[in-house]
């Protein structure tokens, strides 16, 4: 498979970047090809604008969106790597989702979150989080994230199967961080093939 990893973190030396690299190393070890998209390094503009709305109604989207959609079209699997930020996505990744996975290209309906205009792709969300797993579960945050992302948004993208890889305690000890990097590596190494979504 060809695996696209998209990262949102302004620091190339961040733990998020290290986790994304380990994910790609695991994918390469499994015989997959990889492609890396660093939204900050590439200067992606996350702002949704009138130009995007007009592009939705035109024969072709904006040039920067066409470039991102071409990357997606090459991929059989996609990993989105970003730190948990106010219990959601940081702005660059949210803007990438908003602008790139557009109406008429990724989806054209609102009633069936398992129906996408895109072919099935294996999808992974690789998310470092400072919180512990018990903290997130007890407060209901993990269930909310699962509902919003894995049961909702990423069905419209055609991600099948899709998996949420939470890297809990990523601000913890060196030993903990090394274990999380190993988790990231395994996620890439054991990446499943896309499967057709049942009608």
Protein backbone atom coordinates (compact mmCIF):
# COMPACT_ATOMS: atom_id res chain seq x y z
CA UNK A 1 0.00 0.00 0.00
CA UNK A 2 0.95 3.63 -0.38
CA UNK A 3 0.57 5.44 2.97
CA UNK A 4 0.14 9.20 3.34
CA UNK A 5 1.01 10.68 6.75
CA UNK A 6 -0.21 14.23 7.39
CA UNK A 7 1.13 16.06 10.45
CA UNK A 8 0.09 19.24 12.24
CA UNK A 9 2.77 20.46 14.63
CA UNK A 10 4.90 23.61 14.24
CA UNK A 11 7.98 21.99 15.84
CA UNK A 12 9.76 19.43 13.62
CA UNK A 13 11.44 18.06 16.77
CA UNK A 14 8.17 17.50 18.62
CA UNK A 15 6.99 14.21 20.06
CA UNK A 16 4.18 14.28 17.48
CA UNK A 17 6.79 14.40 14.71
CA UNK A 18 8.72 11.54 16.30
CA UNK A 19 5.54 9.46 16.56
CA UNK A 20 4.68 10.15 12.92
CA UNK A 21 8.19 9.10 11.86
CA UNK A 22 7.92 5.88 13.86
CA UNK A 23 4.55 5.17 12.24
CA UNK A 24 6.13 5.58 8.80
CA UNK A 25 9.10 3.43 9.81
CA UNK A 26 6.67 0.69 10.79
CA UNK A 27 4.78 1.04 7.50
CA UNK A 28 8.05 0.85 5.55
CA UNK A 29 9.10 -2.24 7.50
CA UNK A 30 5.83 -3.88 6.45
CA UNK A 31 6.69 -3.22 2.79
CA UNK A 32 4.51 -0.16 2.21
CA UNK A 33 5.59 3.05 0.49
CA UNK A 34 5.16 6.28 2.43
CA UNK A 35 4.58 9.95 1.71
CA UNK A 36 4.88 12.72 4.31
CA UNK A 37 2.92 15.97 4.39
CA UNK A 38 4.07 18.51 7.01
CA UNK A 39 1.37 21.19 6.91
CA UNK A 40 3.42 23.78 8.81
CA UNK A 41 6.64 23.27 6.85
CA UNK A 42 4.70 23.48 3.59
CA UNK A 43 2.81 26.60 4.65
CA UNK A 44 -0.67 25.20 4.14
CA UNK A 45 -3.33 27.89 4.60
CA UNK A 46 -6.03 26.47 6.92
CA UNK A 47 -8.44 29.38 6.52
CA UNK A 48 -11.77 28.52 4.94
CA UNK A 49 -12.69 31.46 2.71
CA UNK A 50 -15.06 32.72 0.04
CA UNK A 51 -12.55 31.45 -2.51
CA UNK A 52 -13.15 27.93 -1.20
CA UNK A 53 -16.91 28.35 -1.45
CA UNK A 54 -16.60 29.67 -4.98
CA UNK A 55 -14.22 26.81 -5.78
CA UNK A 56 -16.83 24.30 -4.62
CA UNK A 57 -19.17 25.70 -7.25
CA UNK A 58 -16.55 25.90 -10.02
CA UNK A 59 -15.33 23.22 -12.41
CA UNK A 60 -12.07 22.86 -10.48
CA UNK A 61 -11.03 23.61 -6.86
CA UNK A 62 -8.24 26.00 -5.88
CA UNK A 63 -4.69 24.99 -6.84
CA UNK A 64 -3.55 24.25 -3.27
CA UNK A 65 -6.60 22.03 -2.72
CA UNK A 66 -6.04 20.18 -6.00
CA UNK A 67 -2.49 19.43 -4.84
CA UNK A 68 -3.69 18.00 -1.51
CA UNK A 69 -6.44 15.98 -3.18
CA UNK A 70 -3.89 14.53 -5.60
CA UNK A 71 -1.84 13.31 -2.63
CA UNK A 72 -4.90 11.71 -1.15
CA UNK A 73 -5.77 10.08 -4.47
CA UNK A 74 -2.36 8.36 -4.51
CA UNK A 75 -2.86 6.92 -1.03
CA UNK A 76 -4.31 3.57 0.00
CA UNK A 77 -4.05 4.51 3.68
CA UNK A 78 -3.89 7.85 5.51
CA UNK A 79 -2.52 8.70 8.94
CA UNK A 80 -3.35 12.04 10.53
CA UNK A 81 -0.88 12.93 13.30
CA UNK A 82 -1.56 15.84 15.66
CA UNK A 83 -1.57 16.53 19.40
CA UNK A 84 -4.88 16.59 21.21
CA UNK A 85 -5.61 20.31 21.45
CA UNK A 86 -8.51 21.55 23.59
CA UNK A 87 -10.06 18.08 23.13
CA UNK A 88 -9.95 18.47 19.39
CA UNK A 89 -7.72 19.11 16.38
CA UNK A 90 -5.27 22.01 16.27
CA UNK A 91 -6.16 24.67 13.72
CA UNK A 92 -3.90 23.58 10.85
CA UNK A 93 -5.31 20.05 10.76
CA UNK A 94 -8.88 21.27 11.23
CA UNK A 95 -8.43 23.69 8.34
CA UNK A 96 -6.92 20.95 6.18
CA UNK A 97 -9.95 18.77 6.89
CA UNK A 98 -12.37 21.65 6.25
CA UNK A 99 -10.81 22.78 3.00
CA UNK A 100 -9.49 19.59 1.37
CA UNK A 101 -12.26 17.06 2.06
CA UNK A 102 -14.82 19.18 0.31
CA UNK A 103 -18.46 18.71 -0.60
CA UNK A 104 -18.73 17.11 -4.05
CA UNK A 105 -15.27 15.54 -3.79
CA UNK A 106 -15.32 13.61 -0.52
CA UNK A 107 -19.07 13.40 0.01
CA UNK A 108 -22.36 14.75 -1.30
CA UNK A 109 -24.88 13.70 1.33
CA UNK A 110 -25.55 14.25 5.01
CA UNK A 111 -27.73 11.28 5.95
CA UNK A 112 -25.21 8.41 5.79
CA UNK A 113 -21.80 8.85 7.41
CA UNK A 114 -20.64 5.54 5.92
CA UNK A 115 -21.14 6.77 2.36
CA UNK A 116 -18.23 8.56 0.72
CA UNK A 117 -17.40 9.58 -2.83
CA UNK A 118 -13.86 8.41 -2.10
CA UNK A 119 -12.68 4.82 -2.45
CA UNK A 120 -12.09 2.95 0.81
CA UNK A 121 -8.79 3.76 2.53
CA UNK A 122 -7.37 2.52 5.80
CA UNK A 123 -7.33 5.45 8.23
CA UNK A 124 -5.36 6.07 11.43
CA UNK A 125 -5.50 9.02 13.81
CA UNK A 126 -2.21 9.18 15.72
CA UNK A 127 -2.80 11.54 18.62
CA UNK A 128 -0.37 12.34 21.45
CA UNK A 129 -2.26 13.40 24.57
CA UNK A 130 -0.85 14.62 27.86
CA UNK A 131 -3.81 13.17 29.75
CA UNK A 132 -3.94 9.61 31.10
CA UNK A 133 -6.39 7.12 29.61
CA UNK A 134 -8.39 6.84 32.85
CA UNK A 135 -8.77 10.63 33.01
CA UNK A 136 -10.17 10.77 29.50
CA UNK A 137 -12.43 7.77 29.93
CA UNK A 138 -13.81 8.82 33.32
CA UNK A 139 -14.65 12.31 32.05
CA UNK A 140 -16.28 10.95 28.87
CA UNK A 141 -13.81 12.67 26.55
CA UNK A 142 -12.67 9.48 24.81
CA UNK A 143 -16.26 8.44 24.04
CA UNK A 144 -16.99 11.92 22.67
CA UNK A 145 -13.90 11.83 20.41
CA UNK A 146 -14.74 8.32 19.18
CA UNK A 147 -18.28 9.44 18.36
CA UNK A 148 -17.23 12.62 16.56
CA UNK A 149 -14.27 11.28 14.61
CA UNK A 150 -14.24 7.52 14.17
CA UNK A 151 -18.01 7.06 14.08
CA UNK A 152 -18.68 10.34 12.29
CA UNK A 153 -16.31 12.49 10.26
CA UNK A 154 -13.96 9.85 8.94
CA UNK A 155 -16.73 7.70 7.54
CA UNK A 156 -17.46 10.53 5.11
CA UNK A 157 -13.82 10.28 4.07
CA UNK A 158 -14.12 6.61 3.15
CA UNK A 159 -11.78 5.50 5.95
CA UNK A 160 -12.44 1.78 6.32
CA UNK A 161 -11.19 0.45 8.60
CA UNK A 162 -10.34 3.44 10.80
CA UNK A 163 -8.54 3.46 14.10
CA UNK A 164 -7.90 5.99 16.83
CA UNK A 165 -4.38 5.56 18.26
CA UNK A 166 -4.30 7.68 21.41
CA UNK A 167 -0.78 8.13 22.77
CA UNK A 168 -1.68 8.75 26.41
CA UNK A 169 0.79 10.39 28.78
CA UNK A 170 2.99 11.73 25.98
CA UNK A 171 4.40 14.40 28.30
CA UNK A 172 5.45 11.76 30.83
CA UNK A 173 8.67 9.91 31.54
CA UNK A 174 11.24 8.87 28.96
CA UNK A 175 10.18 5.27 29.44
CA UNK A 176 6.56 6.17 28.80
CA UNK A 177 7.41 8.13 25.67
CA UNK A 178 9.53 5.28 24.32
CA UNK A 179 6.58 2.91 24.82
CA UNK A 180 4.34 5.31 22.90
CA UNK A 181 6.84 5.51 20.04
CA UNK A 182 6.82 1.72 19.91
CA UNK A 183 3.00 1.85 19.80
CA UNK A 184 3.28 4.23 16.84
CA UNK A 185 5.69 1.90 15.06
CA UNK A 186 3.34 -1.08 15.53
CA UNK A 187 0.42 0.97 14.21
CA UNK A 188 2.32 1.47 10.96
CA UNK A 189 3.66 -2.07 10.83
CA UNK A 190 0.23 -3.67 11.32
CA UNK A 191 -1.73 -1.24 9.15
CA UNK A 192 -4.66 -3.19 7.65
CA UNK A 193 -5.63 -3.07 4.00
CA UNK A 194 -8.67 -1.00 3.05
CA UNK A 195 -11.95 -2.85 3.05
CA UNK A 196 -15.13 -2.16 1.14
CA UNK A 197 -17.84 -0.55 3.23
CA UNK A 198 -20.97 -2.69 3.24
CA UNK A 199 -24.01 -1.17 1.56
